[in-house]
Protein backbone atom coordinates (compact mmCIF):
# COMPACT_ATOMS: atom_id res chain seq x y z
CA UNK A 1 0.00 0.00 0.00
CA UNK A 2 1.31 3.43 -0.83
CA UNK A 3 2.58 5.87 1.77
CA UNK A 4 -0.29 8.25 0.89
CA UNK A 5 -2.92 5.60 1.59
CA UNK A 6 -1.21 4.63 4.85
CA UNK A 7 -1.24 8.29 5.90
CA UNK A 8 -4.94 8.55 5.04
CA UNK A 9 -5.80 5.41 7.02
CA UNK A 10 -3.69 6.53 10.00
CA UNK A 11 -5.47 9.90 10.00
CA UNK A 12 -8.91 8.30 9.80
CA UNK A 13 -8.02 5.86 12.59
CA UNK A 14 -6.82 8.70 14.82
CA UNK A 15 -9.52 11.31 14.16
CA UNK A 16 -12.51 9.38 12.79
CA UNK A 17 -12.11 5.89 14.22
CA UNK A 18 -15.81 5.10 13.83
CA UNK A 19 -15.32 5.28 10.03
CA UNK A 20 -12.04 3.36 9.84
CA UNK A 21 -13.60 0.07 8.67
CA UNK A 22 -15.38 1.84 5.80
CA UNK A 23 -12.20 3.60 4.65
CA UNK A 24 -10.19 0.37 4.91
CA UNK A 25 -12.84 -1.42 2.81
CA UNK A 26 -12.75 1.31 0.16
CA UNK A 27 -8.94 1.43 0.00
CA UNK A 28 -8.42 -2.33 -0.13
CA UNK A 29 -11.20 -3.24 -2.56
CA UNK A 30 -11.51 -0.14 -4.74
CA UNK A 31 -15.27 -0.23 -4.24
CA UNK A 32 -17.35 2.87 -4.89
CA UNK A 33 -18.67 4.47 -1.73
CA UNK A 34 -22.31 4.02 -2.82
CA UNK A 35 -21.71 0.30 -3.33
CA UNK A 36 -20.03 -0.03 0.07
CA UNK A 37 -22.83 1.84 1.85
CA UNK A 38 -25.45 -0.47 0.32
CA UNK A 39 -23.78 -3.68 1.52
CA UNK A 40 -25.67 -6.17 3.66
CA UNK A 41 -24.12 -8.94 5.75
CA UNK A 42 -25.38 -11.54 3.25
CA UNK A 43 -23.24 -9.92 0.53
CA UNK A 44 -20.03 -10.87 2.33
CA UNK A 45 -18.53 -14.36 2.06
CA UNK A 46 -15.79 -14.61 4.68
CA UNK A 47 -14.96 -18.25 3.81
CA UNK A 48 -14.23 -17.68 0.13
CA UNK A 49 -13.16 -14.04 0.79
CA UNK A 50 -15.31 -12.09 -1.64
CA UNK A 51 -18.02 -9.43 -1.54
CA UNK A 52 -21.01 -9.61 -3.88
CA UNK A 53 -21.89 -6.05 -4.96
CA UNK A 54 -25.62 -6.22 -5.78
CA UNK A 55 -26.84 -2.69 -5.03
CA UNK A 56 -25.71 0.88 -4.62
CA UNK A 57 -26.89 4.01 -2.83
CA UNK A 58 -27.18 7.33 -4.65
CA UNK A 59 -29.19 10.34 -3.49
CA UNK A 60 -30.71 8.22 -0.69
CA UNK A 61 -32.08 5.73 -3.23
CA UNK A 62 -31.01 2.10 -3.41
CA UNK A 63 -30.61 0.81 -6.96
CA UNK A 64 -28.37 -1.43 -9.03
CA UNK A 65 -24.64 -0.75 -9.15
CA UNK A 66 -23.39 1.85 -11.65
CA UNK A 67 -22.64 -0.87 -14.22
CA UNK A 68 -26.18 -2.24 -13.89
CA UNK A 69 -24.82 -5.70 -13.02
CA UNK A 70 -23.78 -7.45 -9.81
CA UNK A 71 -20.08 -8.20 -9.43
CA UNK A 72 -17.70 -9.93 -7.03
CA UNK A 73 -14.96 -8.04 -5.24
CA UNK A 74 -11.95 -9.92 -3.85
CA UNK A 75 -11.16 -9.79 -0.12
CA UNK A 76 -7.69 -11.34 -0.28
CA UNK A 77 -5.79 -11.67 2.94
CA UNK A 78 -3.67 -8.60 3.55
CA UNK A 79 -1.72 -7.49 6.59
CA UNK A 80 -3.29 -4.69 8.62
CA UNK A 81 -1.70 -1.30 7.96
PDB file of N, CA and C in Angstrom:
ATOM      1  N   UNK A   1       0.857  -1.176   0.000  1.00  0.00           N
ATOM      2  CA  UNK A   1       0.000   0.000   0.000  1.00  0.00           C
ATOM      3  C   UNK A   1       0.900   1.236   0.000  1.00  0.00           C
ATOM      4  N   UNK A   2       0.468   2.248  -0.704  1.00  0.00           N
ATOM      5  CA  UNK A   2       1.306   3.430  -0.832  1.00  0.00           C
ATOM      6  C   UNK A   2       1.375   4.219   0.478  1.00  0.00           C
ATOM      7  N   UNK A   3       2.394   5.033   0.580  1.00  0.00           N
ATOM      8  CA  UNK A   3       2.576   5.873   1.768  1.00  0.00           C
ATOM      9  C   UNK A   3       1.393   6.834   1.944  1.00  0.00           C
ATOM     10  N   UNK A   4       0.857   7.339   0.831  1.00  0.00           N
ATOM     11  CA  UNK A   4      -0.286   8.252   0.894  1.00  0.00           C
ATOM     12  C   UNK A   4      -1.507   7.564   1.491  1.00  0.00           C
ATOM     13  N   UNK A   5      -1.780   6.332   1.053  1.00  0.00           N
ATOM     14  CA  UNK A   5      -2.925   5.600   1.589  1.00  0.00           C
ATOM     15  C   UNK A   5      -2.723   5.253   3.061  1.00  0.00           C
ATOM     16  N   UNK A   6      -1.500   4.899   3.432  1.00  0.00           N
ATOM     17  CA  UNK A   6      -1.206   4.627   4.846  1.00  0.00           C
ATOM     18  C   UNK A   6      -1.432   5.872   5.696  1.00  0.00           C
ATOM     19  N   UNK A   7      -1.025   7.027   5.180  1.00  0.00           N
ATOM     20  CA  UNK A   7      -1.242   8.287   5.903  1.00  0.00           C
ATOM     21  C   UNK A   7      -2.738   8.566   6.053  1.00  0.00           C
ATOM     22  N   UNK A   8      -3.489   8.357   4.980  1.00  0.00           N
ATOM     23  CA  UNK A   8      -4.941   8.546   5.040  1.00  0.00           C
ATOM     24  C   UNK A   8      -5.562   7.639   6.099  1.00  0.00           C
ATOM     25  N   UNK A   9      -5.228   6.350   6.055  1.00  0.00           N
ATOM     26  CA  UNK A   9      -5.805   5.410   7.021  1.00  0.00           C
ATOM     27  C   UNK A   9      -5.382   5.728   8.453  1.00  0.00           C
ATOM     28  N   UNK A  10      -4.151   6.133   8.663  1.00  0.00           N
ATOM     29  CA  UNK A  10      -3.690   6.527   9.996  1.00  0.00           C
ATOM     30  C   UNK A  10      -4.473   7.734  10.508  1.00  0.00           C
ATOM     31  N   UNK A  11      -4.714   8.691   9.629  1.00  0.00           N
ATOM     32  CA  UNK A  11      -5.465   9.901  10.005  1.00  0.00           C
ATOM     33  C   UNK A  11      -6.905   9.550  10.346  1.00  0.00           C
ATOM     34  N   UNK A  12      -7.525   8.714   9.526  1.00  0.00           N
ATOM     35  CA  UNK A  12      -8.909   8.301   9.801  1.00  0.00           C
ATOM     36  C   UNK A  12      -8.975   7.546  11.129  1.00  0.00           C
ATOM     37  N   UNK A  13      -8.022   6.638  11.343  1.00  0.00           N
ATOM     38  CA  UNK A  13      -8.017   5.861  12.587  1.00  0.00           C
ATOM     39  C   UNK A  13      -7.889   6.776  13.814  1.00  0.00           C
ATOM     40  N   UNK A  14      -7.068   7.807  13.695  1.00  0.00           N
ATOM     41  CA  UNK A  14      -6.821   8.704  14.818  1.00  0.00           C
ATOM     42  C   UNK A  14      -7.980   9.667  15.068  1.00  0.00           C
ATOM     43  N   UNK A  15      -8.536  10.244  14.003  1.00  0.00           N
ATOM     44  CA  UNK A  15      -9.522  11.314  14.162  1.00  0.00           C
ATOM     45  C   UNK A  15     -10.968  10.896  13.909  1.00  0.00           C
ATOM     46  N   UNK A  16     -11.155   9.817  13.158  1.00  0.00           N
ATOM     47  CA  UNK A  16     -12.513   9.382  12.786  1.00  0.00           C
ATOM     48  C   UNK A  16     -12.609   7.864  12.909  1.00  0.00           C
ATOM     49  N   UNK A  17     -12.225   7.338  14.048  1.00  0.00           N
ATOM     50  CA  UNK A  17     -12.105   5.889  14.221  1.00  0.00           C
ATOM     51  C   UNK A  17     -13.389   5.131  13.918  1.00  0.00           C
ATOM     52  N   UNK A  18     -14.543   5.777  14.101  1.00  0.00           N
ATOM     53  CA  UNK A  18     -15.809   5.096  13.826  1.00  0.00           C
ATOM     54  C   UNK A  18     -15.994   4.815  12.328  1.00  0.00           C
ATOM     55  N   UNK A  19     -15.222   5.485  11.476  1.00  0.00           N
ATOM     56  CA  UNK A  19     -15.316   5.283  10.030  1.00  0.00           C
ATOM     57  C   UNK A  19     -14.141   4.508   9.449  1.00  0.00           C
ATOM     58  N   UNK A  20     -13.250   4.031  10.308  1.00  0.00           N
ATOM     59  CA  UNK A  20     -12.040   3.360   9.838  1.00  0.00           C
ATOM     60  C   UNK A  20     -12.349   2.127   8.984  1.00  0.00           C
ATOM     61  N   UNK A  21     -13.283   1.295   9.411  1.00  0.00           N
ATOM     62  CA  UNK A  21     -13.595   0.071   8.666  1.00  0.00           C
ATOM     63  C   UNK A  21     -14.080   0.396   7.254  1.00  0.00           C
ATOM     64  N   UNK A  22     -14.890   1.430   7.123  1.00  0.00           N
ATOM     65  CA  UNK A  22     -15.380   1.837   5.805  1.00  0.00           C
ATOM     66  C   UNK A  22     -14.222   2.285   4.914  1.00  0.00           C
ATOM     67  N   UNK A  23     -13.335   3.124   5.441  1.00  0.00           N
ATOM     68  CA  UNK A  23     -12.197   3.597   4.648  1.00  0.00           C
ATOM     69  C   UNK A  23     -11.274   2.443   4.271  1.00  0.00           C
ATOM     70  N   UNK A  24     -11.043   1.526   5.203  1.00  0.00           N
ATOM     71  CA  UNK A  24     -10.193   0.373   4.909  1.00  0.00           C
ATOM     72  C   UNK A  24     -10.816  -0.471   3.799  1.00  0.00           C
ATOM     73  N   UNK A  25     -12.127  -0.682   3.862  1.00  0.00           N
ATOM     74  CA  UNK A  25     -12.838  -1.419   2.815  1.00  0.00           C
ATOM     75  C   UNK A  25     -12.663  -0.734   1.465  1.00  0.00           C
ATOM     76  N   UNK A  26     -12.863   0.573   1.416  1.00  0.00           N
ATOM     77  CA  UNK A  26     -12.748   1.312   0.157  1.00  0.00           C
ATOM     78  C   UNK A  26     -11.325   1.250  -0.407  1.00  0.00           C
ATOM     79  N   UNK A  27     -10.335   1.428   0.444  1.00  0.00           N
ATOM     80  CA  UNK A  27      -8.936   1.434   0.003  1.00  0.00           C
ATOM     81  C   UNK A  27      -8.516   0.057  -0.496  1.00  0.00           C
ATOM     82  N   UNK A  28      -8.890  -0.986   0.219  1.00  0.00           N
ATOM     83  CA  UNK A  28      -8.415  -2.326  -0.132  1.00  0.00           C
ATOM     84  C   UNK A  28      -9.163  -2.964  -1.287  1.00  0.00           C
ATOM     85  N   UNK A  29     -10.421  -2.588  -1.500  1.00  0.00           N
ATOM     86  CA  UNK A  29     -11.203  -3.236  -2.558  1.00  0.00           C
ATOM     87  C   UNK A  29     -11.395  -2.360  -3.783  1.00  0.00           C
ATOM     88  N   UNK A  30     -11.241  -1.042  -3.635  1.00  0.00           N
ATOM     89  CA  UNK A  30     -11.514  -0.139  -4.741  1.00  0.00           C
ATOM     90  C   UNK A  30     -12.996   0.052  -5.006  1.00  0.00           C
ATOM     91  N   UNK A  31     -13.831  -0.379  -4.068  1.00  0.00           N
ATOM     92  CA  UNK A  31     -15.275  -0.232  -4.241  1.00  0.00           C
ATOM     93  C   UNK A  31     -15.672   1.236  -4.252  1.00  0.00           C
ATOM     94  N   UNK A  32     -16.765   1.528  -4.938  1.00  0.00           N
ATOM     95  CA  UNK A  32     -17.354   2.865  -4.892  1.00  0.00           C
ATOM     96  C   UNK A  32     -18.043   3.030  -3.547  1.00  0.00           C
ATOM     97  N   UNK A  33     -18.088   4.244  -3.048  1.00  0.00           N
ATOM     98  CA  UNK A  33     -18.675   4.473  -1.728  1.00  0.00           C
ATOM     99  C   UNK A  33     -20.158   4.100  -1.704  1.00  0.00           C
ATOM    100  N   UNK A  34     -20.895   4.386  -2.772  1.00  0.00           N
ATOM    101  CA  UNK A  34     -22.308   4.023  -2.821  1.00  0.00           C
ATOM    102  C   UNK A  34     -22.529   2.523  -2.754  1.00  0.00           C
ATOM    103  N   UNK A  35     -21.629   1.758  -3.387  1.00  0.00           N
ATOM    104  CA  UNK A  35     -21.709   0.300  -3.334  1.00  0.00           C
ATOM    105  C   UNK A  35     -21.415  -0.199  -1.920  1.00  0.00           C
ATOM    106  N   UNK A  36     -20.404   0.382  -1.288  1.00  0.00           N
ATOM    107  CA  UNK A  36     -20.030  -0.030   0.066  1.00  0.00           C
ATOM    108  C   UNK A  36     -21.144   0.291   1.067  1.00  0.00           C
ATOM    109  N   UNK A  37     -21.770   1.448   0.921  1.00  0.00           N
ATOM    110  CA  UNK A  37     -22.828   1.843   1.852  1.00  0.00           C
ATOM    111  C   UNK A  37     -24.083   0.995   1.700  1.00  0.00           C
ATOM    112  N   UNK A  38     -24.262   0.359   0.556  1.00  0.00           N
ATOM    113  CA  UNK A  38     -25.448  -0.470   0.319  1.00  0.00           C
ATOM    114  C   UNK A  38     -25.235  -1.938   0.684  1.00  0.00           C
ATOM    115  N   UNK A  39     -24.047  -2.284   1.177  1.00  0.00           N
ATOM    116  CA  UNK A  39     -23.776  -3.681   1.518  1.00  0.00           C
ATOM    117  C   UNK A  39     -24.666  -4.176   2.651  1.00  0.00           C
ATOM    118  N   UNK A  40     -24.983  -5.469   2.575  1.00  0.00           N
ATOM    119  CA  UNK A  40     -25.674  -6.170   3.661  1.00  0.00           C
ATOM    120  C   UNK A  40     -24.786  -7.341   4.052  1.00  0.00           C
ATOM    121  N   UNK A  41     -24.972  -7.854   5.270  1.00  0.00           N
ATOM    122  CA  UNK A  41     -24.124  -8.936   5.751  1.00  0.00           C
ATOM    123  C   UNK A  41     -24.136 -10.126   4.798  1.00  0.00           C
ATOM    124  N   UNK A  42     -25.279 -10.408   4.165  1.00  0.00           N
ATOM    125  CA  UNK A  42     -25.378 -11.535   3.249  1.00  0.00           C
ATOM    126  C   UNK A  42     -24.559 -11.370   1.976  1.00  0.00           C
ATOM    127  N   UNK A  43     -24.064 -10.182   1.715  1.00  0.00           N
ATOM    128  CA  UNK A  43     -23.236  -9.917   0.529  1.00  0.00           C
ATOM    129  C   UNK A  43     -21.778 -10.310   0.751  1.00  0.00           C
ATOM    130  N   UNK A  44     -21.427 -10.605   1.985  1.00  0.00           N
ATOM    131  CA  UNK A  44     -20.027 -10.869   2.331  1.00  0.00           C
ATOM    132  C   UNK A  44     -19.829 -12.361   2.582  1.00  0.00           C
ATOM    133  N   UNK A  45     -18.877 -12.954   1.881  1.00  0.00           N
ATOM    134  CA  UNK A  45     -18.531 -14.365   2.064  1.00  0.00           C
ATOM    135  C   UNK A  45     -17.125 -14.416   2.667  1.00  0.00           C
ATOM    136  N   UNK A  46     -17.079 -14.599   3.988  1.00  0.00           N
ATOM    137  CA  UNK A  46     -15.788 -14.614   4.684  1.00  0.00           C
ATOM    138  C   UNK A  46     -14.999 -15.886   4.395  1.00  0.00           C
ATOM    139  N   UNK A  47     -15.671 -16.996   4.092  1.00  0.00           N
ATOM    140  CA  UNK A  47     -14.962 -18.250   3.812  1.00  0.00           C
ATOM    141  C   UNK A  47     -14.205 -18.183   2.492  1.00  0.00           C
ATOM    142  N   UNK A  48     -14.871 -17.757   1.438  1.00  0.00           N
ATOM    143  CA  UNK A  48     -14.226 -17.676   0.128  1.00  0.00           C
ATOM    144  C   UNK A  48     -13.625 -16.301  -0.144  1.00  0.00           C
ATOM    145  N   UNK A  49     -13.758 -15.367   0.806  1.00  0.00           N
ATOM    146  CA  UNK A  49     -13.161 -14.038   0.794  1.00  0.00           C
ATOM    147  C   UNK A  49     -13.543 -13.217  -0.442  1.00  0.00           C
ATOM    148  N   UNK A  50     -14.854 -13.002  -0.603  1.00  0.00           N
ATOM    149  CA  UNK A  50     -15.307 -12.092  -1.635  1.00  0.00           C
ATOM    150  C   UNK A  50     -16.557 -11.360  -1.154  1.00  0.00           C
ATOM    151  N   UNK A  51     -16.828 -10.228  -1.802  1.00  0.00           N
ATOM    152  CA  UNK A  51     -18.020  -9.425  -1.540  1.00  0.00           C
ATOM    153  C   UNK A  51     -18.824  -9.388  -2.829  1.00  0.00           C
ATOM    154  N   UNK A  52     -20.103  -9.679  -2.731  1.00  0.00           N
ATOM    155  CA  UNK A  52     -21.006  -9.608  -3.879  1.00  0.00           C
ATOM    156  C   UNK A  52     -21.647  -8.226  -3.866  1.00  0.00           C
ATOM    157  N   UNK A  53     -21.324  -7.398  -4.852  1.00  0.00           N
ATOM    158  CA  UNK A  53     -21.895  -6.052  -4.955  1.00  0.00           C
ATOM    159  C   UNK A  53     -23.169  -6.164  -5.787  1.00  0.00           C
ATOM    160  N   UNK A  54     -24.319  -6.020  -5.122  1.00  0.00           N
ATOM    161  CA  UNK A  54     -25.619  -6.216  -5.779  1.00  0.00           C
ATOM    162  C   UNK A  54     -26.432  -4.933  -5.888  1.00  0.00           C
ATOM    163  N   UNK A  55     -26.048  -3.924  -5.081  1.00  0.00           N
ATOM    164  CA  UNK A  55     -26.844  -2.689  -5.033  1.00  0.00           C
ATOM    165  C   UNK A  55     -25.926  -1.529  -4.710  1.00  0.00           C
ATOM    166  N   UNK A  56     -26.461  -0.340  -4.896  1.00  0.00           N
ATOM    167  CA  UNK A  56     -25.711   0.877  -4.621  1.00  0.00           C
ATOM    168  C   UNK A  56     -26.661   1.933  -4.070  1.00  0.00           C
ATOM    169  N   UNK A  57     -26.106   2.898  -3.361  1.00  0.00           N
ATOM    170  CA  UNK A  57     -26.893   4.008  -2.827  1.00  0.00           C
ATOM    171  C   UNK A  57     -26.454   5.281  -3.544  1.00  0.00           C
ATOM    172  N   UNK A  58     -27.438   6.022  -4.033  1.00  0.00           N
ATOM    173  CA  UNK A  58     -27.178   7.331  -4.652  1.00  0.00           C
ATOM    174  C   UNK A  58     -28.381   8.211  -4.373  1.00  0.00           C
ATOM    175  N   UNK A  59     -28.124   9.389  -3.821  1.00  0.00           N
ATOM    176  CA  UNK A  59     -29.193  10.341  -3.494  1.00  0.00           C
ATOM    177  C   UNK A  59     -30.276   9.696  -2.629  1.00  0.00           C
ATOM    178  N   UNK A  60     -29.827   8.908  -1.637  1.00  0.00           N
ATOM    179  CA  UNK A  60     -30.711   8.219  -0.689  1.00  0.00           C
ATOM    180  C   UNK A  60     -31.645   7.208  -1.339  1.00  0.00           C
ATOM    181  N   UNK A  61     -31.305   6.753  -2.535  1.00  0.00           N
ATOM    182  CA  UNK A  61     -32.082   5.728  -3.235  1.00  0.00           C
ATOM    183  C   UNK A  61     -31.193   4.502  -3.449  1.00  0.00           C
ATOM    184  N   UNK A  62     -31.738   3.337  -3.159  1.00  0.00           N
ATOM    185  CA  UNK A  62     -31.006   2.100  -3.413  1.00  0.00           C
ATOM    186  C   UNK A  62     -31.394   1.600  -4.797  1.00  0.00           C
ATOM    187  N   UNK A  63     -30.375   1.306  -5.608  1.00  0.00           N
ATOM    188  CA  UNK A  63     -30.614   0.806  -6.961  1.00  0.00           C
ATOM    189  C   UNK A  63     -29.519  -0.180  -7.319  1.00  0.00           C
ATOM    190  N   UNK A  64     -29.431  -0.532  -8.575  1.00  0.00           N
ATOM    191  CA  UNK A  64     -28.373  -1.432  -9.026  1.00  0.00           C
ATOM    192  C   UNK A  64     -27.043  -0.681  -9.038  1.00  0.00           C
ATOM    193  N   UNK A  65     -25.938  -1.418  -9.045  1.00  0.00           N
ATOM    194  CA  UNK A  65     -24.635  -0.750  -9.152  1.00  0.00           C
ATOM    195  C   UNK A  65     -24.544   0.069 -10.444  1.00  0.00           C
ATOM    196  N   UNK A  66     -23.567   0.948 -10.509  1.00  0.00           N
ATOM    197  CA  UNK A  66     -23.393   1.848 -11.647  1.00  0.00           C
ATOM    198  C   UNK A  66     -23.366   1.095 -12.982  1.00  0.00           C
ATOM    199  N   UNK A  67     -22.741  -0.076 -12.984  1.00  0.00           N
ATOM    200  CA  UNK A  67     -22.637  -0.867 -14.215  1.00  0.00           C
ATOM    201  C   UNK A  67     -23.966  -1.519 -14.593  1.00  0.00           C
ATOM    202  N   UNK A  68     -24.909  -1.576 -13.645  1.00  0.00           N
ATOM    203  CA  UNK A  68     -26.181  -2.240 -13.891  1.00  0.00           C
ATOM    204  C   UNK A  68     -26.152  -3.727 -13.602  1.00  0.00           C
ATOM    205  N   UNK A  69     -24.966  -4.265 -13.274  1.00  0.00           N
ATOM    206  CA  UNK A  69     -24.815  -5.699 -13.019  1.00  0.00           C
ATOM    207  C   UNK A  69     -24.120  -5.930 -11.678  1.00  0.00           C
ATOM    208  N   UNK A  70     -24.477  -7.045 -11.034  1.00  0.00           N
ATOM    209  CA  UNK A  70     -23.784  -7.447  -9.807  1.00  0.00           C
ATOM    210  C   UNK A  70     -22.357  -7.869 -10.175  1.00  0.00           C
ATOM    211  N   UNK A  71     -21.462  -7.762  -9.211  1.00  0.00           N
ATOM    212  CA  UNK A  71     -20.083  -8.197  -9.433  1.00  0.00           C
ATOM    213  C   UNK A  71     -19.488  -8.681  -8.115  1.00  0.00           C
ATOM    214  N   UNK A  72     -18.423  -9.449  -8.204  1.00  0.00           N
ATOM    215  CA  UNK A  72     -17.698  -9.933  -7.031  1.00  0.00           C
ATOM    216  C   UNK A  72     -16.432  -9.114  -6.846  1.00  0.00           C
ATOM    217  N   UNK A  73     -16.165  -8.777  -5.590  1.00  0.00           N
ATOM    218  CA  UNK A  73     -14.956  -8.039  -5.242  1.00  0.00           C
ATOM    219  C   UNK A  73     -14.134  -8.909  -4.300  1.00  0.00           C
ATOM    220  N   UNK A  74     -12.864  -9.071  -4.608  1.00  0.00           N
ATOM    221  CA  UNK A  74     -11.946  -9.916  -3.846  1.00  0.00           C
ATOM    222  C   UNK A  74     -11.650  -9.320  -2.471  1.00  0.00           C
ATOM    223  N   UNK A  75     -11.603 -10.178  -1.464  1.00  0.00           N
ATOM    224  CA  UNK A  75     -11.160  -9.793  -0.117  1.00  0.00           C
ATOM    225  C   UNK A  75      -9.939 -10.624   0.252  1.00  0.00           C
ATOM    226  N   UNK A  76      -8.892 -10.568  -0.551  1.00  0.00           N
ATOM    227  CA  UNK A  76      -7.687 -11.337  -0.280  1.00  0.00           C
ATOM    228  C   UNK A  76      -7.117 -10.973   1.080  1.00  0.00           C
ATOM    229  N   UNK A  77      -6.441 -11.930   1.667  1.00  0.00           N
ATOM    230  CA  UNK A  77      -5.792 -11.673   2.942  1.00  0.00           C
ATOM    231  C   UNK A  77      -4.686 -10.663   2.755  1.00  0.00           C
ATOM    232  N   UNK A  78      -4.696  -9.647   3.588  1.00  0.00           N
ATOM    233  CA  UNK A  78      -3.670  -8.602   3.553  1.00  0.00           C
ATOM    234  C   UNK A  78      -3.322  -8.251   4.989  1.00  0.00           C
ATOM    235  N   UNK A  79      -2.074  -7.924   5.237  1.00  0.00           N
ATOM    236  CA  UNK A  79      -1.725  -7.489   6.594  1.00  0.00           C
ATOM    237  C   UNK A  79      -2.387  -6.161   6.930  1.00  0.00           C
ATOM    238  N   UNK A  80      -2.705  -5.960   8.179  1.00  0.00           N
ATOM    239  CA  UNK A  80      -3.290  -4.689   8.617  1.00  0.00           C
ATOM    240  C   UNK A  80      -2.238  -3.604   8.500  1.00  0.00           C
ATOM    241  N   UNK A  81      -2.671  -2.390   8.064  1.00  0.00           N
ATOM    242  CA  UNK A  81      -1.703  -1.296   7.960  1.00  0.00           C
ATOM    243  C   UNK A  81      -1.285  -0.801   9.328  1.00  0.00           C
TER     244      UNK A  81
END
